[in-house]
Amino acid sequence: MSNASRIRAELLWVINGGPAALIADITATLSCDHSGVEAVMRAYQRALPSGTQLRLVVTAPIVRRVLDVNGLDRLISIYPSLESATATETPTASITLKPERPPAPPGNRQSYRQGQRDDL
């Protein structure tokens, strides 16, 4: 299950507020697919004309690789920690994007939790 549309909406909502920079903490994200890349790209495209600097905090190697392969690392600053992303002079807005977990199917809660991944 992808939560990319919700994340895209949150990013665009914050960017529409006009911050000088937006830090998106996606450290809880364990994987990223095409829809996740598209959500980040749409946020970048919205941030660019408004002058908002978009920064991502990414710790999962697979997420970083997907962003790199799609060229987003050349457009968006990617940091290994929130501290490093905030260590600049630009005033920022910061949001933590946490993957949503759908309700577990009845009667199988434990095995569902163990097998579920957090995706962007």
PDB file of N, CA and C in Angstrom:
ATOM      1  N   MET A   1       0.842  -1.183   0.000  1.00  0.00           N
ATOM      2  CA  MET A   1       0.000   0.000   0.000  1.00  0.00           C
ATOM      3  C   MET A   1       0.879   1.235   0.000  1.00  0.00           C
ATOM      4  N   SER A   2       0.571   2.184  -0.831  1.00  0.00           N
ATOM      5  CA  SER A   2       1.337   3.414  -0.941  1.00  0.00           C
ATOM      6  C   SER A   2       0.575   4.566  -0.293  1.00  0.00           C
ATOM      7  N   ASN A   3       1.306   5.414   0.376  1.00  0.00           N
ATOM      8  CA  ASN A   3       0.706   6.601   0.971  1.00  0.00           C
ATOM      9  C   ASN A   3       1.220   7.858   0.274  1.00  0.00           C
ATOM     10  N   ALA A   4       1.689   7.705  -0.944  1.00  0.00           N
ATOM     11  CA  ALA A   4       2.292   8.809  -1.685  1.00  0.00           C
ATOM     12  C   ALA A   4       1.332   9.977  -1.888  1.00  0.00           C
ATOM     13  N   SER A   5       0.062   9.713  -2.140  1.00  0.00           N
ATOM     14  CA  SER A   5      -0.867  10.820  -2.384  1.00  0.00           C
ATOM     15  C   SER A   5      -1.057  11.664  -1.124  1.00  0.00           C
ATOM     16  N   ARG A   6      -1.087  11.031   0.028  1.00  0.00           N
ATOM     17  CA  ARG A   6      -1.212  11.785   1.281  1.00  0.00           C
ATOM     18  C   ARG A   6       0.045  12.605   1.529  1.00  0.00           C
ATOM     19  N   ILE A   7       1.197  12.009   1.284  1.00  0.00           N
ATOM     20  CA  ILE A   7       2.459  12.707   1.494  1.00  0.00           C
ATOM     21  C   ILE A   7       2.593  13.869   0.519  1.00  0.00           C
ATOM     22  N   ARG A   8       2.226  13.647  -0.735  1.00  0.00           N
ATOM     23  CA  ARG A   8       2.254  14.726  -1.717  1.00  0.00           C
ATOM     24  C   ARG A   8       1.375  15.882  -1.262  1.00  0.00           C
ATOM     25  N   ALA A   9       0.186  15.566  -0.784  1.00  0.00           N
ATOM     26  CA  ALA A   9      -0.732  16.607  -0.322  1.00  0.00           C
ATOM     27  C   ALA A   9      -0.141  17.383   0.863  1.00  0.00           C
ATOM     28  N   GLU A  10       0.478  16.690   1.801  1.00  0.00           N
ATOM     29  CA  GLU A  10       1.084  17.368   2.952  1.00  0.00           C
ATOM     30  C   GLU A  10       2.234  18.274   2.525  1.00  0.00           C
ATOM     31  N   LEU A  11       3.086  17.772   1.645  1.00  0.00           N
ATOM     32  CA  LEU A  11       4.208  18.580   1.169  1.00  0.00           C
ATOM     33  C   LEU A  11       3.710  19.832   0.447  1.00  0.00           C
ATOM     34  N   LEU A  12       2.747  19.665  -0.445  1.00  0.00           N
ATOM     35  CA  LEU A  12       2.230  20.804  -1.202  1.00  0.00           C
ATOM     36  C   LEU A  12       1.539  21.809  -0.291  1.00  0.00           C
ATOM     37  N   TRP A  13       0.837  21.329   0.715  1.00  0.00           N
ATOM     38  CA  TRP A  13       0.158  22.220   1.659  1.00  0.00           C
ATOM     39  C   TRP A  13       1.168  23.104   2.377  1.00  0.00           C
ATOM     40  N   VAL A  14       2.272  22.514   2.849  1.00  0.00           N
ATOM     41  CA  VAL A  14       3.290  23.289   3.545  1.00  0.00           C
ATOM     42  C   VAL A  14       3.974  24.261   2.579  1.00  0.00           C
ATOM     43  N   ILE A  15       4.306  23.800   1.383  1.00  0.00           N
ATOM     44  CA  ILE A  15       4.961  24.670   0.400  1.00  0.00           C
ATOM     45  C   ILE A  15       4.072  25.853   0.043  1.00  0.00           C
ATOM     46  N   ASN A  16       2.763  25.638  -0.040  1.00  0.00           N
ATOM     47  CA  ASN A  16       1.834  26.721  -0.358  1.00  0.00           C
ATOM     48  C   ASN A  16       1.853  27.816   0.714  1.00  0.00           C
ATOM     49  N   GLY A  17       2.321  27.476   1.929  1.00  0.00           N
ATOM     50  CA  GLY A  17       2.437  28.465   3.000  1.00  0.00           C
ATOM     51  C   GLY A  17       3.627  29.394   2.812  1.00  0.00           C
ATOM     52  N   GLY A  18       4.526  29.073   1.879  1.00  0.00           N
ATOM     53  CA  GLY A  18       5.624  29.956   1.523  1.00  0.00           C
ATOM     54  C   GLY A  18       6.843  29.946   2.423  1.00  0.00           C
ATOM     55  N   PRO A  19       7.220  28.817   3.026  1.00  0.00           N
ATOM     56  CA  PRO A  19       8.441  28.844   3.840  1.00  0.00           C
ATOM     57  C   PRO A  19       9.677  28.994   2.956  1.00  0.00           C
ATOM     58  N   ALA A  20      10.757  29.510   3.533  1.00  0.00           N
ATOM     59  CA  ALA A  20      12.010  29.626   2.788  1.00  0.00           C
ATOM     60  C   ALA A  20      12.568  28.241   2.488  1.00  0.00           C
ATOM     61  N   ALA A  21      12.354  27.304   3.412  1.00  0.00           N
ATOM     62  CA  ALA A  21      12.823  25.925   3.222  1.00  0.00           C
ATOM     63  C   ALA A  21      11.848  24.981   3.899  1.00  0.00           C
ATOM     64  N   LEU A  22      11.761  23.780   3.365  1.00  0.00           N
ATOM     65  CA  LEU A  22      10.927  22.723   3.930  1.00  0.00           C
ATOM     66  C   LEU A  22      11.786  21.488   4.098  1.00  0.00           C
ATOM     67  N   ILE A  23      11.847  20.983   5.318  1.00  0.00           N
ATOM     68  CA  ILE A  23      12.559  19.736   5.586  1.00  0.00           C
ATOM     69  C   ILE A  23      11.522  18.642   5.764  1.00  0.00           C
ATOM     70  N   ALA A  24      11.582  17.631   4.911  1.00  0.00           N
ATOM     71  CA  ALA A  24      10.679  16.480   5.005  1.00  0.00           C
ATOM     72  C   ALA A  24      11.466  15.319   5.597  1.00  0.00           C
ATOM     73  N   ASP A  25      11.127  14.946   6.818  1.00  0.00           N
ATOM     74  CA  ASP A  25      11.794  13.843   7.516  1.00  0.00           C
ATOM     75  C   ASP A  25      11.081  12.553   7.124  1.00  0.00           C
ATOM     76  N   ILE A  26      11.712  11.775   6.235  1.00  0.00           N
ATOM     77  CA  ILE A  26      11.110  10.519   5.788  1.00  0.00           C
ATOM     78  C   ILE A  26      11.913   9.321   6.299  1.00  0.00           C
ATOM     79  N   THR A  27      12.466   9.473   7.494  1.00  0.00           N
ATOM     80  CA  THR A  27      13.268   8.393   8.063  1.00  0.00           C
ATOM     81  C   THR A  27      12.426   7.172   8.431  1.00  0.00           C
ATOM     82  N   ALA A  28      11.121   7.333   8.587  1.00  0.00           N
ATOM     83  CA  ALA A  28      10.261   6.189   8.888  1.00  0.00           C
ATOM     84  C   ALA A  28       9.892   5.407   7.632  1.00  0.00           C
ATOM     85  N   THR A  29      10.259   5.914   6.473  1.00  0.00           N
ATOM     86  CA  THR A  29       9.941   5.262   5.210  1.00  0.00           C
ATOM     87  C   THR A  29      10.974   4.190   4.899  1.00  0.00           C
ATOM     88  N   LEU A  30      10.507   2.973   4.656  1.00  0.00           N
ATOM     89  CA  LEU A  30      11.404   1.848   4.401  1.00  0.00           C
ATOM     90  C   LEU A  30      11.560   1.502   2.937  1.00  0.00           C
ATOM     91  N   SER A  31      10.620   1.958   2.093  1.00  0.00           N
ATOM     92  CA  SER A  31      10.732   1.704   0.662  1.00  0.00           C
ATOM     93  C   SER A  31      10.043   2.829  -0.088  1.00  0.00           C
ATOM     94  N   CYS A  32      10.363   2.932  -1.367  1.00  0.00           N
ATOM     95  CA  CYS A  32       9.814   4.007  -2.181  1.00  0.00           C
ATOM     96  C   CYS A  32       9.615   3.481  -3.595  1.00  0.00           C
ATOM     97  N   ASP A  33       8.444   3.727  -4.145  1.00  0.00           N
ATOM     98  CA  ASP A  33       8.166   3.287  -5.507  1.00  0.00           C
ATOM     99  C   ASP A  33       7.970   4.502  -6.414  1.00  0.00           C
ATOM    100  N   HIS A  34       7.497   4.252  -7.627  1.00  0.00           N
ATOM    101  CA  HIS A  34       7.313   5.327  -8.597  1.00  0.00           C
ATOM    102  C   HIS A  34       6.380   6.412  -8.066  1.00  0.00           C
ATOM    103  N   SER A  35       5.314   6.047  -7.386  1.00  0.00           N
ATOM    104  CA  SER A  35       4.377   7.056  -6.893  1.00  0.00           C
ATOM    105  C   SER A  35       5.014   7.921  -5.799  1.00  0.00           C
ATOM    106  N   GLY A  36       5.915   7.341  -5.019  1.00  0.00           N
ATOM    107  CA  GLY A  36       6.638   8.121  -4.015  1.00  0.00           C
ATOM    108  C   GLY A  36       7.591   9.113  -4.658  1.00  0.00           C
ATOM    109  N   VAL A  37       8.306   8.657  -5.685  1.00  0.00           N
ATOM    110  CA  VAL A  37       9.212   9.543  -6.432  1.00  0.00           C
ATOM    111  C   VAL A  37       8.411  10.676  -7.065  1.00  0.00           C
ATOM    112  N   GLU A  38       7.262  10.337  -7.642  1.00  0.00           N
ATOM    113  CA  GLU A  38       6.416  11.354  -8.262  1.00  0.00           C
ATOM    114  C   GLU A  38       5.928  12.373  -7.233  1.00  0.00           C
ATOM    115  N   ALA A  39       5.589  11.922  -6.022  1.00  0.00           N
ATOM    116  CA  ALA A  39       5.139  12.835  -4.968  1.00  0.00           C
ATOM    117  C   ALA A  39       6.241  13.827  -4.608  1.00  0.00           C
ATOM    118  N   VAL A  40       7.461  13.341  -4.477  1.00  0.00           N
ATOM    119  CA  VAL A  40       8.585  14.219  -4.147  1.00  0.00           C
ATOM    120  C   VAL A  40       8.873  15.165  -5.310  1.00  0.00           C
ATOM    121  N   MET A  41       8.812  14.663  -6.527  1.00  0.00           N
ATOM    122  CA  MET A  41       9.056  15.512  -7.694  1.00  0.00           C
ATOM    123  C   MET A  41       8.005  16.612  -7.807  1.00  0.00           C
ATOM    124  N   ARG A  42       6.749  16.283  -7.563  1.00  0.00           N
ATOM    125  CA  ARG A  42       5.685  17.301  -7.617  1.00  0.00           C
ATOM    126  C   ARG A  42       5.928  18.377  -6.566  1.00  0.00           C
ATOM    127  N   ALA A  43       6.368  17.962  -5.378  1.00  0.00           N
ATOM    128  CA  ALA A  43       6.671  18.935  -4.323  1.00  0.00           C
ATOM    129  C   ALA A  43       7.826  19.833  -4.761  1.00  0.00           C
ATOM    130  N   TYR A  44       8.848  19.233  -5.363  1.00  0.00           N
ATOM    131  CA  TYR A  44       9.990  20.017  -5.850  1.00  0.00           C
ATOM    132  C   TYR A  44       9.524  21.028  -6.911  1.00  0.00           C
ATOM    133  N   GLN A  45       8.689  20.574  -7.840  1.00  0.00           N
ATOM    134  CA  GLN A  45       8.207  21.453  -8.906  1.00  0.00           C
ATOM    135  C   GLN A  45       7.383  22.609  -8.350  1.00  0.00           C
ATOM    136  N   ARG A  46       6.669  22.377  -7.269  1.00  0.00           N
ATOM    137  CA  ARG A  46       5.888  23.449  -6.635  1.00  0.00           C
ATOM    138  C   ARG A  46       6.807  24.380  -5.847  1.00  0.00           C
ATOM    139  N   ALA A  47       7.827  23.812  -5.210  1.00  0.00           N
ATOM    140  CA  ALA A  47       8.731  24.610  -4.374  1.00  0.00           C
ATOM    141  C   ALA A  47       9.610  25.529  -5.213  1.00  0.00           C
ATOM    142  N   LEU A  48      10.036  25.085  -6.363  1.00  0.00           N
ATOM    143  CA  LEU A  48      10.989  25.821  -7.189  1.00  0.00           C
ATOM    144  C   LEU A  48      10.530  27.246  -7.515  1.00  0.00           C
ATOM    145  N   PRO A  49       9.344  27.449  -8.117  1.00  0.00           N
ATOM    146  CA  PRO A  49       8.943  28.823  -8.465  1.00  0.00           C
ATOM    147  C   PRO A  49       8.654  29.692  -7.242  1.00  0.00           C
ATOM    148  N   SER A  50       8.302  29.069  -6.122  1.00  0.00           N
ATOM    149  CA  SER A  50       7.999  29.864  -4.926  1.00  0.00           C
ATOM    150  C   SER A  50       9.258  30.198  -4.127  1.00  0.00           C
ATOM    151  N   GLY A  51      10.401  29.614  -4.531  1.00  0.00           N
ATOM    152  CA  GLY A  51      11.648  29.900  -3.831  1.00  0.00           C
ATOM    153  C   GLY A  51      11.851  29.083  -2.573  1.00  0.00           C
ATOM    154  N   THR A  52      11.010  28.087  -2.341  1.00  0.00           N
ATOM    155  CA  THR A  52      11.156  27.222  -1.175  1.00  0.00           C
ATOM    156  C   THR A  52      12.205  26.159  -1.457  1.00  0.00           C
ATOM    157  N   GLN A  53      13.180  26.065  -0.575  1.00  0.00           N
ATOM    158  CA  GLN A  53      14.198  25.021  -0.700  1.00  0.00           C
ATOM    159  C   GLN A  53      13.658  23.747  -0.062  1.00  0.00           C
ATOM    160  N   LEU A  54      13.609  22.667  -0.812  1.00  0.00           N
ATOM    161  CA  LEU A  54      13.124  21.387  -0.309  1.00  0.00           C
ATOM    162  C   LEU A  54      14.318  20.547   0.118  1.00  0.00           C
ATOM    163  N   ARG A  55      14.259  20.008   1.346  1.00  0.00           N
ATOM    164  CA  ARG A  55      15.306  19.138   1.868  1.00  0.00           C
ATOM    165  C   ARG A  55      14.645  17.852   2.354  1.00  0.00           C
ATOM    166  N   LEU A  56      15.298  16.734   2.099  1.00  0.00           N
ATOM    167  CA  LEU A  56      14.798  15.437   2.553  1.00  0.00           C
ATOM    168  C   LEU A  56      15.771  14.836   3.552  1.00  0.00           C
ATOM    169  N   VAL A  57      15.231  14.208   4.582  1.00  0.00           N
ATOM    170  CA  VAL A  57      16.033  13.434   5.524  1.00  0.00           C
ATOM    171  C   VAL A  57      15.703  11.974   5.248  1.00  0.00           C
ATOM    172  N   VAL A  58      16.704  11.228   4.781  1.00  0.00           N
ATOM    173  CA  VAL A  58      16.514   9.839   4.350  1.00  0.00           C
ATOM    174  C   VAL A  58      17.574   8.972   5.027  1.00  0.00           C
ATOM    175  N   THR A  59      17.134   7.869   5.640  1.00  0.00           N
ATOM    176  CA  THR A  59      18.088   6.943   6.260  1.00  0.00           C
ATOM    177  C   THR A  59      18.067   5.556   5.619  1.00  0.00           C
ATOM    178  N   ALA A  60      16.969   5.175   5.010  1.00  0.00           N
ATOM    179  CA  ALA A  60      16.867   3.835   4.401  1.00  0.00           C
ATOM    180  C   ALA A  60      17.666   3.799   3.101  1.00  0.00           C
ATOM    181  N   PRO A  61      18.640   2.887   2.984  1.00  0.00           N
ATOM    182  CA  PRO A  61      19.454   2.816   1.768  1.00  0.00           C
ATOM    183  C   PRO A  61      18.631   2.615   0.496  1.00  0.00           C
ATOM    184  N   ILE A  62      17.583   1.826   0.538  1.00  0.00           N
ATOM    185  CA  ILE A  62      16.785   1.581  -0.667  1.00  0.00           C
ATOM    186  C   ILE A  62      16.042   2.841  -1.093  1.00  0.00           C
ATOM    187  N   VAL A  63      15.573   3.623  -0.127  1.00  0.00           N
ATOM    188  CA  VAL A  63      14.888   4.874  -0.467  1.00  0.00           C
ATOM    189  C   VAL A  63      15.883   5.835  -1.103  1.00  0.00           C
ATOM    190  N   ARG A  64      17.061   5.933  -0.515  1.00  0.00           N
ATOM    191  CA  ARG A  64      18.098   6.812  -1.068  1.00  0.00           C
ATOM    192  C   ARG A  64      18.456   6.380  -2.488  1.00  0.00           C
ATOM    193  N   ARG A  65      18.569   5.088  -2.694  1.00  0.00           N
ATOM    194  CA  ARG A  65      18.929   4.577  -4.024  1.00  0.00           C
ATOM    195  C   ARG A  65      17.855   4.914  -5.057  1.00  0.00           C
ATOM    196  N   VAL A  66      16.597   4.747  -4.689  1.00  0.00           N
ATOM    197  CA  VAL A  66      15.501   5.057  -5.619  1.00  0.00           C
ATOM    198  C   VAL A  66      15.521   6.544  -5.969  1.00  0.00           C
ATOM    199  N   LEU A  67      15.757   7.398  -4.986  1.00  0.00           N
ATOM    200  CA  LEU A  67      15.827   8.832  -5.250  1.00  0.00           C
ATOM    201  C   LEU A  67      17.020   9.156  -6.159  1.00  0.00           C
ATOM    202  N   ASP A  68      18.146   8.501  -5.898  1.00  0.00           N
ATOM    203  CA  ASP A  68      19.350   8.718  -6.712  1.00  0.00           C
ATOM    204  C   ASP A  68      19.139   8.257  -8.154  1.00  0.00           C
ATOM    205  N   VAL A  69      18.596   7.060  -8.326  1.00  0.00           N
ATOM    206  CA  VAL A  69      18.392   6.497  -9.665  1.00  0.00           C
ATOM    207  C   VAL A  69      17.462   7.383 -10.491  1.00  0.00           C
ATOM    208  N   ASN A  70      16.506   8.008  -9.834  1.00  0.00           N
ATOM    209  CA  ASN A  70      15.557   8.864 -10.532  1.00  0.00           C
ATOM    210  C   ASN A  70      16.050  10.305 -10.663  1.00  0.00           C
ATOM    211  N   GLY A  71      17.260  10.578 -10.211  1.00  0.00           N
ATOM    212  CA  GLY A  71      17.862  11.899 -10.381  1.00  0.00           C
ATOM    213  C   GLY A  71      17.445  12.948  -9.378  1.00  0.00           C
ATOM    214  N   LEU A  72      16.654  12.574  -8.384  1.00  0.00           N
ATOM    215  CA  LEU A  72      16.202  13.571  -7.422  1.00  0.00           C
ATOM    216  C   LEU A  72      17.334  14.072  -6.523  1.00  0.00           C
ATOM    217  N   ASP A  73      18.376  13.270  -6.361  1.00  0.00           N
ATOM    218  CA  ASP A  73      19.512  13.706  -5.548  1.00  0.00           C
ATOM    219  C   ASP A  73      20.239  14.886  -6.191  1.00  0.00           C
ATOM    220  N   ARG A  74      20.054  15.096  -7.487  1.00  0.00           N
ATOM    221  CA  ARG A  74      20.662  16.235  -8.166  1.00  0.00           C
ATOM    222  C   ARG A  74      19.799  17.484  -8.082  1.00  0.00           C
ATOM    223  N   LEU A  75      18.547  17.321  -7.684  1.00  0.00           N
ATOM    224  CA  LEU A  75      17.620  18.450  -7.599  1.00  0.00           C
ATOM    225  C   LEU A  75      17.328  18.870  -6.166  1.00  0.00           C
ATOM    226  N   ILE A  76      17.306  17.896  -5.272  1.00  0.00           N
ATOM    227  CA  ILE A  76      16.874  18.119  -3.890  1.00  0.00           C
ATOM    228  C   ILE A  76      18.015  17.736  -2.956  1.00  0.00           C
ATOM    229  N   SER A  77      18.249  18.563  -1.950  1.00  0.00           N
ATOM    230  CA  SER A  77      19.262  18.248  -0.946  1.00  0.00           C
ATOM    231  C   SER A  77      18.759  17.108  -0.073  1.00  0.00           C
ATOM    232  N   ILE A  78      19.576  16.062   0.057  1.00  0.00           N
ATOM    233  CA  ILE A  78      19.217  14.891   0.853  1.00  0.00           C
ATOM    234  C   ILE A  78      20.225  14.773   1.993  1.00  0.00           C
ATOM    235  N   TYR A  79      19.717  14.612   3.205  1.00  0.00           N
ATOM    236  CA  TYR A  79      20.547  14.578   4.408  1.00  0.00           C
ATOM    237  C   TYR A  79      20.363  13.262   5.151  1.00  0.00           C
ATOM    238  N   PRO A  80      21.397  12.830   5.888  1.00  0.00           N
ATOM    239  CA  PRO A  80      21.302  11.584   6.651  1.00  0.00           C
ATOM    240  C   PRO A  80      20.655  11.748   8.026  1.00  0.00           C
ATOM    241  N   SER A  81      20.456  12.999   8.466  1.00  0.00           N
ATOM    242  CA  SER A  81      19.845  13.224   9.780  1.00  0.00           C
ATOM    243  C   SER A  81      19.123  14.569   9.788  1.00  0.00           C
ATOM    244  N   LEU A  82      18.181  14.703  10.692  1.00  0.00           N
ATOM    245  CA  LEU A  82      17.453  15.957  10.841  1.00  0.00           C
ATOM    246  C   LEU A  82      18.399  17.067  11.299  1.00  0.00           C
ATOM    247  N   GLU A  83      19.359  16.714  12.139  1.00  0.00           N
ATOM    248  CA  GLU A  83      20.318  17.704  12.633  1.00  0.00           C
ATOM    249  C   GLU A  83      21.118  18.310  11.477  1.00  0.00           C
ATOM    250  N   SER A  84      21.581  17.472  10.566  1.00  0.00           N
ATOM    251  CA  SER A  84      22.360  17.996   9.441  1.00  0.00           C
ATOM    252  C   SER A  84      21.487  18.814   8.489  1.00  0.00           C
ATOM    253  N   ALA A  85      20.216  18.451   8.362  1.00  0.00           N
ATOM    254  CA  ALA A  85      19.311  19.197   7.484  1.00  0.00           C
ATOM    255  C   ALA A  85      18.967  20.567   8.064  1.00  0.00           C
ATOM    256  N   THR A  86      18.983  20.691   9.361  1.00  0.00           N
ATOM    257  CA  THR A  86      18.636  21.969  10.000  1.00  0.00           C
ATOM    258  C   THR A  86      19.858  22.818  10.323  1.00  0.00           C
ATOM    259  N   ALA A  87      21.044  22.335  10.021  1.00  0.00           N
ATOM    260  CA  ALA A  87      22.275  23.040  10.384  1.00  0.00           C
ATOM    261  C   ALA A  87      22.621  24.156   9.401  1.00  0.00           C
ATOM    262  N   THR A  88      21.663  24.717   8.744  1.00  0.00           N
ATOM    263  CA  THR A  88      21.898  25.806   7.798  1.00  0.00           C
ATOM    264  C   THR A  88      21.166  27.048   8.274  1.00  0.00           C
ATOM    265  N   GLU A  89      21.501  28.171   7.734  1.00  0.00           N
ATOM    266  CA  GLU A  89      20.957  29.455   8.189  1.00  0.00           C
ATOM    267  C   GLU A  89      19.531  29.729   7.723  1.00  0.00           C
ATOM    268  N   THR A  90      19.064  29.037   6.703  1.00  0.00           N
ATOM    269  CA  THR A  90      17.753  29.319   6.132  1.00  0.00           C
ATOM    270  C   THR A  90      16.641  28.938   7.101  1.00  0.00           C
ATOM    271  N   PRO A  91      15.710  29.862   7.416  1.00  0.00           N
ATOM    272  CA  PRO A  91      14.563  29.496   8.253  1.00  0.00           C
ATOM    273  C   PRO A  91      13.746  28.411   7.556  1.00  0.00           C
ATOM    274  N   THR A  92      13.283  27.441   8.307  1.00  0.00           N
ATOM    275  CA  THR A  92      12.636  26.294   7.680  1.00  0.00           C
ATOM    276  C   THR A  92      11.285  25.962   8.303  1.00  0.00           C
ATOM    277  N   ALA A  93      10.505  25.253   7.517  1.00  0.00           N
ATOM    278  CA  ALA A  93       9.340  24.537   8.017  1.00  0.00           C
ATOM    279  C   ALA A  93       9.768  23.083   8.003  1.00  0.00           C
ATOM    280  N   SER A  94       9.364  22.338   8.998  1.00  0.00           N
ATOM    281  CA  SER A  94       9.780  20.942   9.076  1.00  0.00           C
ATOM    282  C   SER A  94       8.566  20.067   9.334  1.00  0.00           C
ATOM    283  N   ILE A  95       8.449  18.989   8.576  1.00  0.00           N
ATOM    284  CA  ILE A  95       7.376  18.032   8.820  1.00  0.00           C
ATOM    285  C   ILE A  95       7.975  16.632   8.841  1.00  0.00           C
ATOM    286  N   THR A  96       7.407  15.807   9.682  1.00  0.00           N
ATOM    287  CA  THR A  96       7.794  14.407   9.735  1.00  0.00           C
ATOM    288  C   THR A  96       6.702  13.624   9.041  1.00  0.00           C
ATOM    289  N   LEU A  97       7.080  12.905   8.005  1.00  0.00           N
ATOM    290  CA  LEU A  97       6.114  12.130   7.235  1.00  0.00           C
ATOM    291  C   LEU A  97       6.196  10.692   7.697  1.00  0.00           C
ATOM    292  N   LYS A  98       5.140  10.243   8.342  1.00  0.00           N
ATOM    293  CA  LYS A  98       5.100   8.878   8.846  1.00  0.00           C
ATOM    294  C   LYS A  98       4.119   8.068   8.017  1.00  0.00           C
ATOM    295  N   PRO A  99       4.545   6.891   7.598  1.00  0.00           N
ATOM    296  CA  PRO A  99       3.645   6.038   6.825  1.00  0.00           C
ATOM    297  C   PRO A  99       2.410   5.672   7.633  1.00  0.00           C
ATOM    298  N   GLU A 100       1.263   5.672   6.966  1.00  0.00           N
ATOM    299  CA  GLU A 100       0.028   5.236   7.617  1.00  0.00           C
ATOM    300  C   GLU A 100      -0.047   3.728   7.605  1.00  0.00           C
ATOM    301  N   ARG A 101      -0.613   3.181   8.625  1.00  0.00           N
ATOM    302  CA  ARG A 101      -0.831   1.738   8.673  1.00  0.00           C
ATOM    303  C   ARG A 101      -2.338   1.482   8.592  1.00  0.00           C
ATOM    304  N   PRO A 102      -2.757   0.726   7.608  1.00  0.00           N
ATOM    305  CA  PRO A 102      -4.182   0.398   7.521  1.00  0.00           C
ATOM    306  C   PRO A 102      -4.559  -0.527   8.670  1.00  0.00           C
ATOM    307  N   PRO A 103      -5.839  -0.573   9.007  1.00  0.00           N
ATOM    308  CA  PRO A 103      -6.247  -1.472  10.080  1.00  0.00           C
ATOM    309  C   PRO A 103      -5.924  -2.927   9.739  1.00  0.00           C
ATOM    310  N   ALA A 104      -5.543  -3.674  10.746  1.00  0.00           N
ATOM    311  CA  ALA A 104      -5.219  -5.089  10.558  1.00  0.00           C
ATOM    312  C   ALA A 104      -6.490  -5.882  10.301  1.00  0.00           C
ATOM    313  N   PRO A 105      -6.404  -6.916   9.475  1.00  0.00           N
ATOM    314  CA  PRO A 105      -7.580  -7.755   9.260  1.00  0.00           C
ATOM    315  C   PRO A 105      -7.961  -8.455  10.567  1.00  0.00           C
ATOM    316  N   PRO A 106      -9.246  -8.644  10.809  1.00  0.00           N
ATOM    317  CA  PRO A 106      -9.675  -9.303  12.042  1.00  0.00           C
ATOM    318  C   PRO A 106      -9.073 -10.700  12.171  1.00  0.00           C
ATOM    319  N   GLY A 107      -8.667 -11.039  13.394  1.00  0.00           N
ATOM    320  CA  GLY A 107      -8.194 -12.387  13.686  1.00  0.00           C
ATOM    321  C   GLY A 107      -6.757 -12.658  13.279  1.00  0.00           C
ATOM    322  N   ASN A 108      -6.070 -11.688  12.695  1.00  0.00           N
ATOM    323  CA  ASN A 108      -4.707 -11.942  12.240  1.00  0.00           C
ATOM    324  C   ASN A 108      -3.818 -10.734  12.518  1.00  0.00           C
ATOM    325  N   ARG A 109      -4.041 -10.057  13.632  1.00  0.00           N
ATOM    326  CA  ARG A 109      -3.340  -8.815  13.924  1.00  0.00           C
ATOM    327  C   ARG A 109      -1.833  -8.991  14.059  1.00  0.00           C
ATOM    328  N   GLN A 110      -1.352  -9.976  14.762  1.00  0.00           N
ATOM    329  CA  GLN A 110       0.084 -10.105  15.012  1.00  0.00           C
ATOM    330  C   GLN A 110       0.867 -10.387  13.729  1.00  0.00           C
ATOM    331  N   SER A 111       0.440 -11.358  12.952  1.00  0.00           N
ATOM    332  CA  SER A 111       1.191 -11.681  11.750  1.00  0.00           C
ATOM    333  C   SER A 111       1.109 -10.547  10.726  1.00  0.00           C
ATOM    334  N   TYR A 112       0.016  -9.795  10.706  1.00  0.00           N
ATOM    335  CA  TYR A 112      -0.130  -8.672   9.795  1.00  0.00           C
ATOM    336  C   TYR A 112       0.876  -7.578  10.135  1.00  0.00           C
ATOM    337  N   ARG A 113       1.004  -7.257  11.405  1.00  0.00           N
ATOM    338  CA  ARG A 113       1.960  -6.235  11.826  1.00  0.00           C
ATOM    339  C   ARG A 113       3.384  -6.614  11.485  1.00  0.00           C
ATOM    340  N   GLN A 114       3.730  -7.869  11.679  1.00  0.00           N
ATOM    341  CA  GLN A 114       5.100  -8.282  11.428  1.00  0.00           C
ATOM    342  C   GLN A 114       5.430  -8.247   9.950  1.00  0.00           C
ATOM    343  N   GLY A 115       4.472  -8.488   9.100  1.00  0.00           N
ATOM    344  CA  GLY A 115       4.745  -8.549   7.674  1.00  0.00           C
ATOM    345  C   GLY A 115       4.562  -7.235   6.956  1.00  0.00           C
ATOM    346  N   GLN A 116       4.028  -6.216   7.625  1.00  0.00           N
ATOM    347  CA  GLN A 116       3.735  -4.960   6.944  1.00  0.00           C
ATOM    348  C   GLN A 116       4.972  -4.103   6.789  1.00  0.00           C
ATOM    349  N   ARG A 117       5.074  -3.455   5.639  1.00  0.00           N
ATOM    350  CA  ARG A 117       6.176  -2.539   5.383  1.00  0.00           C
ATOM    351  C   ARG A 117       5.650  -1.127   5.361  1.00  0.00           C
ATOM    352  N   ASP A 118       6.500  -0.189   5.654  1.00  0.00           N
ATOM    353  CA  ASP A 118       6.170   1.214   5.553  1.00  0.00           C
ATOM    354  C   ASP A 118       6.679   1.717   4.220  1.00  0.00           C
ATOM    355  N   ASP A 119       5.762   2.106   3.331  1.00  0.00           N
ATOM    356  CA  ASP A 119       6.134   2.492   1.990  1.00  0.00           C
ATOM    357  C   ASP A 119       5.781   3.951   1.737  1.00  0.00           C
ATOM    358  N   LEU A 120       6.506   4.540   0.819  1.00  0.00           N
ATOM    359  CA  LEU A 120       6.196   5.871   0.327  1.00  0.00           C
ATOM    360  C   LEU A 120       5.766   5.729  -1.100  1.00  0.00           C
TER     361      LEU A 120
END
